[in-house]
Amino acid sequence: MNRCRTEGIELTQDEVDHLTQLPDGAHVVEAHLLCELEDGHAGPHWALAQSEDRDGETHRYWWLRWSADDRQWAHDTACPAEDEELELCMLPEGHVGGHSFS
């Protein structure tokens, strides 16, 4: 899949601090996020900013959804699709366009 070519979005320092301080944060928080949807998609952009993992299971996702005039945090579950090698799609459930493993 060819990813969206938007310039992305910057997290505020407060957002970075909040996501960094989550007790079960799964990865390093990046201040600059790029849209993870397929290039040419309709609707808002989406990027995964952080996930919370407890005992090896993802508990909560922190998705940032944005457009030119709107910015919202969403905690949608991940897309349940998987490919023949059992690689999971790492996009929010109900996303537009192809899966992340396409």
N, C-alpha and C. Protein backbone atom coordinates (compact mmCIF):
# COMPACT_ATOMS: atom_id res chain seq x y z
N MET A 1 0.84 -1.17 0.00
CA MET A 1 0.00 0.00 0.00
C MET A 1 0.89 1.24 0.00
N ASN A 2 0.55 2.19 -0.84
CA ASN A 2 1.23 3.48 -0.82
C ASN A 2 0.56 4.36 0.22
N ARG A 3 1.34 4.83 1.17
CA ARG A 3 0.78 5.63 2.26
C ARG A 3 0.49 7.06 1.83
N CYS A 4 -0.44 7.67 2.53
CA CYS A 4 -0.82 9.07 2.33
C CYS A 4 0.42 9.95 2.35
N ARG A 5 0.44 10.96 1.50
CA ARG A 5 1.60 11.83 1.40
C ARG A 5 1.43 13.18 2.08
N THR A 6 0.50 13.25 3.02
CA THR A 6 0.33 14.49 3.77
C THR A 6 1.62 14.83 4.50
N GLU A 7 1.82 16.09 4.80
CA GLU A 7 3.01 16.49 5.55
C GLU A 7 2.94 16.05 7.00
N GLY A 8 1.78 15.61 7.45
CA GLY A 8 1.64 15.13 8.81
C GLY A 8 1.18 16.21 9.75
N ILE A 9 1.34 15.92 11.03
CA ILE A 9 0.87 16.83 12.08
C ILE A 9 1.82 16.74 13.28
N GLU A 10 1.95 17.86 13.97
CA GLU A 10 2.81 17.92 15.16
C GLU A 10 1.97 17.77 16.42
N LEU A 11 2.43 16.94 17.33
CA LEU A 11 1.81 16.87 18.64
C LEU A 11 2.29 18.05 19.47
N THR A 12 1.44 18.52 20.35
CA THR A 12 1.86 19.56 21.28
C THR A 12 2.78 18.91 22.32
N GLN A 13 3.54 19.72 23.04
CA GLN A 13 4.39 19.17 24.09
C GLN A 13 3.54 18.52 25.18
N ASP A 14 2.38 19.09 25.48
CA ASP A 14 1.49 18.47 26.47
C ASP A 14 1.02 17.09 26.02
N GLU A 15 0.72 16.95 24.73
CA GLU A 15 0.30 15.64 24.20
C GLU A 15 1.44 14.63 24.28
N VAL A 16 2.64 15.05 23.89
CA VAL A 16 3.81 14.16 23.97
C VAL A 16 4.05 13.74 25.41
N ASP A 17 4.00 14.70 26.32
CA ASP A 17 4.22 14.39 27.74
C ASP A 17 3.18 13.40 28.26
N HIS A 18 1.91 13.64 27.92
CA HIS A 18 0.84 12.75 28.38
C HIS A 18 1.05 11.32 27.86
N LEU A 19 1.32 11.19 26.58
CA LEU A 19 1.49 9.86 25.98
C LEU A 19 2.74 9.17 26.50
N THR A 20 3.79 9.94 26.76
CA THR A 20 5.03 9.38 27.28
C THR A 20 4.86 8.87 28.69
N GLN A 21 4.00 9.53 29.46
CA GLN A 21 3.81 9.17 30.86
C GLN A 21 2.78 8.08 31.10
N LEU A 22 2.16 7.56 30.05
CA LEU A 22 1.21 6.46 30.24
C LEU A 22 1.96 5.28 30.84
N PRO A 23 1.42 4.67 31.90
CA PRO A 23 2.17 3.62 32.59
C PRO A 23 2.44 2.37 31.75
N ASP A 24 1.61 2.12 30.76
CA ASP A 24 1.80 0.91 29.94
C ASP A 24 2.07 1.25 28.48
N GLY A 25 2.67 2.43 28.23
CA GLY A 25 2.97 2.83 26.86
C GLY A 25 3.86 1.81 26.17
N ALA A 26 3.54 1.51 24.92
CA ALA A 26 4.23 0.43 24.21
C ALA A 26 5.44 0.88 23.41
N HIS A 27 5.54 2.16 23.09
CA HIS A 27 6.68 2.60 22.27
C HIS A 27 7.02 4.06 22.54
N VAL A 28 8.11 4.50 21.97
CA VAL A 28 8.56 5.89 22.10
C VAL A 28 7.58 6.78 21.32
N VAL A 29 7.18 7.87 21.92
CA VAL A 29 6.24 8.79 21.29
C VAL A 29 6.99 9.72 20.35
N GLU A 30 6.52 9.80 19.13
CA GLU A 30 7.09 10.71 18.13
C GLU A 30 6.25 11.98 18.10
N ALA A 31 6.88 13.14 18.08
CA ALA A 31 6.15 14.41 18.08
C ALA A 31 5.53 14.70 16.71
N HIS A 32 6.13 14.20 15.65
CA HIS A 32 5.60 14.42 14.30
C HIS A 32 4.98 13.12 13.80
N LEU A 33 3.70 13.16 13.49
CA LEU A 33 2.99 11.97 13.03
C LEU A 33 2.63 12.10 11.56
N LEU A 34 2.72 10.99 10.85
CA LEU A 34 2.31 10.93 9.45
C LEU A 34 1.05 10.08 9.33
N CYS A 35 0.21 10.43 8.39
CA CYS A 35 -1.01 9.66 8.15
C CYS A 35 -0.63 8.25 7.71
N GLU A 36 -1.33 7.28 8.26
CA GLU A 36 -1.03 5.88 7.97
C GLU A 36 -2.00 5.25 6.97
N LEU A 37 -2.95 6.04 6.47
CA LEU A 37 -3.92 5.52 5.51
C LEU A 37 -3.34 5.50 4.10
N GLU A 38 -4.07 4.86 3.21
CA GLU A 38 -3.67 4.73 1.81
C GLU A 38 -3.68 6.10 1.12
N ASP A 39 -2.72 6.33 0.25
CA ASP A 39 -2.62 7.57 -0.50
C ASP A 39 -3.92 7.82 -1.27
N GLY A 40 -4.39 9.05 -1.23
CA GLY A 40 -5.60 9.42 -1.95
C GLY A 40 -6.89 9.11 -1.20
N HIS A 41 -6.79 8.74 0.07
CA HIS A 41 -7.98 8.38 0.84
C HIS A 41 -8.93 9.56 1.01
N ALA A 42 -10.19 9.25 1.23
CA ALA A 42 -11.20 10.27 1.55
C ALA A 42 -11.24 10.45 3.05
N GLY A 43 -11.69 11.60 3.49
CA GLY A 43 -11.90 11.83 4.91
C GLY A 43 -10.63 12.22 5.65
N PRO A 44 -10.72 12.19 6.99
CA PRO A 44 -9.60 12.66 7.80
C PRO A 44 -8.39 11.73 7.75
N HIS A 45 -7.26 12.28 8.16
CA HIS A 45 -6.01 11.51 8.29
C HIS A 45 -6.02 10.81 9.65
N TRP A 46 -5.28 9.70 9.75
CA TRP A 46 -5.18 8.94 11.00
C TRP A 46 -3.73 8.55 11.24
N ALA A 47 -3.30 8.64 12.51
CA ALA A 47 -1.97 8.16 12.89
C ALA A 47 -2.04 7.59 14.30
N LEU A 48 -1.34 6.50 14.52
CA LEU A 48 -1.26 5.90 15.85
C LEU A 48 -0.14 6.59 16.60
N ALA A 49 -0.48 7.24 17.72
CA ALA A 49 0.50 7.97 18.51
C ALA A 49 1.07 7.11 19.64
N GLN A 50 0.25 6.20 20.18
CA GLN A 50 0.69 5.35 21.28
C GLN A 50 -0.33 4.23 21.47
N SER A 51 0.12 3.15 22.04
CA SER A 51 -0.79 2.09 22.48
C SER A 51 -0.34 1.68 23.87
N GLU A 52 -1.29 1.19 24.63
CA GLU A 52 -1.00 0.73 25.98
C GLU A 52 -1.07 -0.79 25.98
N ASP A 53 0.01 -1.42 26.36
CA ASP A 53 0.08 -2.88 26.40
C ASP A 53 0.18 -3.34 27.84
N ARG A 54 -0.66 -4.29 28.19
CA ARG A 54 -0.61 -4.87 29.54
C ARG A 54 -0.49 -6.38 29.39
N ASP A 55 0.55 -6.92 29.97
CA ASP A 55 0.79 -8.36 29.92
C ASP A 55 0.80 -8.89 28.49
N GLY A 56 1.41 -8.12 27.58
CA GLY A 56 1.54 -8.55 26.19
C GLY A 56 0.30 -8.37 25.34
N GLU A 57 -0.77 -7.80 25.90
CA GLU A 57 -2.00 -7.56 25.15
C GLU A 57 -2.26 -6.08 25.05
N THR A 58 -2.62 -5.61 23.86
CA THR A 58 -2.93 -4.19 23.71
C THR A 58 -4.23 -3.89 24.42
N HIS A 59 -4.18 -2.89 25.26
CA HIS A 59 -5.34 -2.51 26.06
C HIS A 59 -6.07 -1.31 25.45
N ARG A 60 -5.31 -0.35 24.92
CA ARG A 60 -5.92 0.86 24.40
C ARG A 60 -5.02 1.48 23.34
N TYR A 61 -5.64 1.99 22.28
CA TYR A 61 -4.92 2.69 21.22
C TYR A 61 -5.17 4.18 21.35
N TRP A 62 -4.17 4.98 21.03
CA TRP A 62 -4.27 6.44 21.02
C TRP A 62 -4.06 6.91 19.58
N TRP A 63 -5.15 7.02 18.83
CA TRP A 63 -5.12 7.47 17.44
C TRP A 63 -5.40 8.97 17.40
N LEU A 64 -4.65 9.68 16.58
CA LEU A 64 -4.97 11.08 16.31
C LEU A 64 -5.60 11.13 14.93
N ARG A 65 -6.78 11.74 14.87
CA ARG A 65 -7.52 11.89 13.61
C ARG A 65 -7.60 13.38 13.33
N TRP A 66 -7.21 13.79 12.12
CA TRP A 66 -7.20 15.23 11.83
C TRP A 66 -7.55 15.53 10.38
N SER A 67 -8.01 16.77 10.19
CA SER A 67 -8.26 17.32 8.86
C SER A 67 -7.81 18.78 8.93
N ALA A 68 -8.05 19.54 7.89
CA ALA A 68 -7.58 20.92 7.86
C ALA A 68 -8.15 21.76 9.00
N ASP A 69 -9.37 21.46 9.44
CA ASP A 69 -10.00 22.28 10.46
C ASP A 69 -10.45 21.51 11.71
N ASP A 70 -9.93 20.31 11.91
CA ASP A 70 -10.36 19.51 13.05
C ASP A 70 -9.22 18.60 13.52
N ARG A 71 -9.22 18.31 14.80
CA ARG A 71 -8.20 17.45 15.40
C ARG A 71 -8.85 16.74 16.58
N GLN A 72 -8.87 15.39 16.57
CA GLN A 72 -9.53 14.64 17.63
C GLN A 72 -8.72 13.41 17.99
N TRP A 73 -8.77 13.06 19.28
CA TRP A 73 -8.19 11.81 19.73
C TRP A 73 -9.26 10.74 19.66
N ALA A 74 -8.90 9.56 19.22
CA ALA A 74 -9.83 8.44 19.13
C ALA A 74 -9.17 7.21 19.74
N HIS A 75 -9.98 6.36 20.30
CA HIS A 75 -9.48 5.13 20.91
C HIS A 75 -10.08 3.91 20.22
N ASP A 76 -10.33 4.02 18.92
CA ASP A 76 -10.90 2.93 18.14
C ASP A 76 -10.01 1.69 18.26
N THR A 77 -10.61 0.54 18.15
CA THR A 77 -9.83 -0.69 18.15
C THR A 77 -9.11 -0.83 16.81
N ALA A 78 -8.15 -1.72 16.78
CA ALA A 78 -7.40 -1.95 15.54
C ALA A 78 -8.22 -2.81 14.58
N CYS A 79 -7.95 -2.65 13.31
CA CYS A 79 -8.60 -3.44 12.27
C CYS A 79 -8.28 -4.92 12.51
N PRO A 80 -9.27 -5.80 12.46
CA PRO A 80 -9.02 -7.22 12.72
C PRO A 80 -8.46 -7.99 11.52
N ALA A 81 -8.29 -7.34 10.37
CA ALA A 81 -7.84 -8.05 9.16
C ALA A 81 -6.41 -8.55 9.32
N GLU A 82 -6.14 -9.67 8.69
CA GLU A 82 -4.78 -10.21 8.66
C GLU A 82 -4.54 -10.83 7.30
N ASP A 83 -3.27 -10.90 6.90
CA ASP A 83 -2.93 -11.50 5.62
C ASP A 83 -2.64 -12.99 5.79
N GLU A 84 -2.20 -13.62 4.72
CA GLU A 84 -1.97 -15.07 4.75
C GLU A 84 -0.83 -15.47 5.69
N GLU A 85 0.07 -14.55 6.00
CA GLU A 85 1.15 -14.83 6.96
C GLU A 85 0.76 -14.43 8.38
N LEU A 86 -0.52 -14.12 8.58
CA LEU A 86 -1.08 -13.73 9.87
C LEU A 86 -0.55 -12.39 10.38
N GLU A 87 -0.09 -11.56 9.43
CA GLU A 87 0.32 -10.20 9.79
C GLU A 87 -0.96 -9.37 9.95
N LEU A 88 -1.09 -8.68 11.07
CA LEU A 88 -2.28 -7.90 11.35
C LEU A 88 -2.22 -6.53 10.71
N CYS A 89 -3.39 -6.01 10.36
CA CYS A 89 -3.49 -4.63 9.88
C CYS A 89 -3.32 -3.72 11.09
N MET A 90 -2.49 -2.73 10.97
CA MET A 90 -2.20 -1.82 12.07
C MET A 90 -2.88 -0.46 11.89
N LEU A 91 -4.10 -0.49 11.35
CA LEU A 91 -4.90 0.71 11.18
C LEU A 91 -6.15 0.60 12.04
N PRO A 92 -6.87 1.71 12.26
CA PRO A 92 -8.07 1.62 13.08
C PRO A 92 -9.17 0.82 12.39
N GLU A 93 -9.98 0.16 13.18
CA GLU A 93 -11.10 -0.62 12.63
C GLU A 93 -12.01 0.29 11.82
N GLY A 94 -12.44 -0.18 10.65
CA GLY A 94 -13.31 0.58 9.78
C GLY A 94 -12.60 1.60 8.91
N HIS A 95 -11.27 1.54 8.85
CA HIS A 95 -10.51 2.51 8.05
C HIS A 95 -10.88 2.44 6.57
N VAL A 96 -10.62 3.53 5.87
CA VAL A 96 -10.82 3.58 4.42
C VAL A 96 -9.54 3.08 3.75
N GLY A 97 -9.66 2.58 2.51
CA GLY A 97 -8.50 2.18 1.73
C GLY A 97 -7.96 0.82 2.14
N GLY A 98 -6.77 0.52 1.63
CA GLY A 98 -6.14 -0.78 1.86
C GLY A 98 -5.65 -0.97 3.28
N HIS A 99 -5.34 -2.22 3.60
CA HIS A 99 -4.81 -2.56 4.91
C HIS A 99 -3.30 -2.24 4.96
N SER A 100 -2.77 -2.08 6.14
CA SER A 100 -1.36 -1.70 6.30
C SER A 100 -0.42 -2.73 5.70
N PHE A 101 -0.83 -3.99 5.62
CA PHE A 101 0.04 -5.03 5.08
C PHE A 101 -0.09 -5.20 3.57
N SER A 102 -0.96 -4.39 2.95
CA SER A 102 -1.19 -4.50 1.48
C SER A 102 0.00 -3.97 0.71
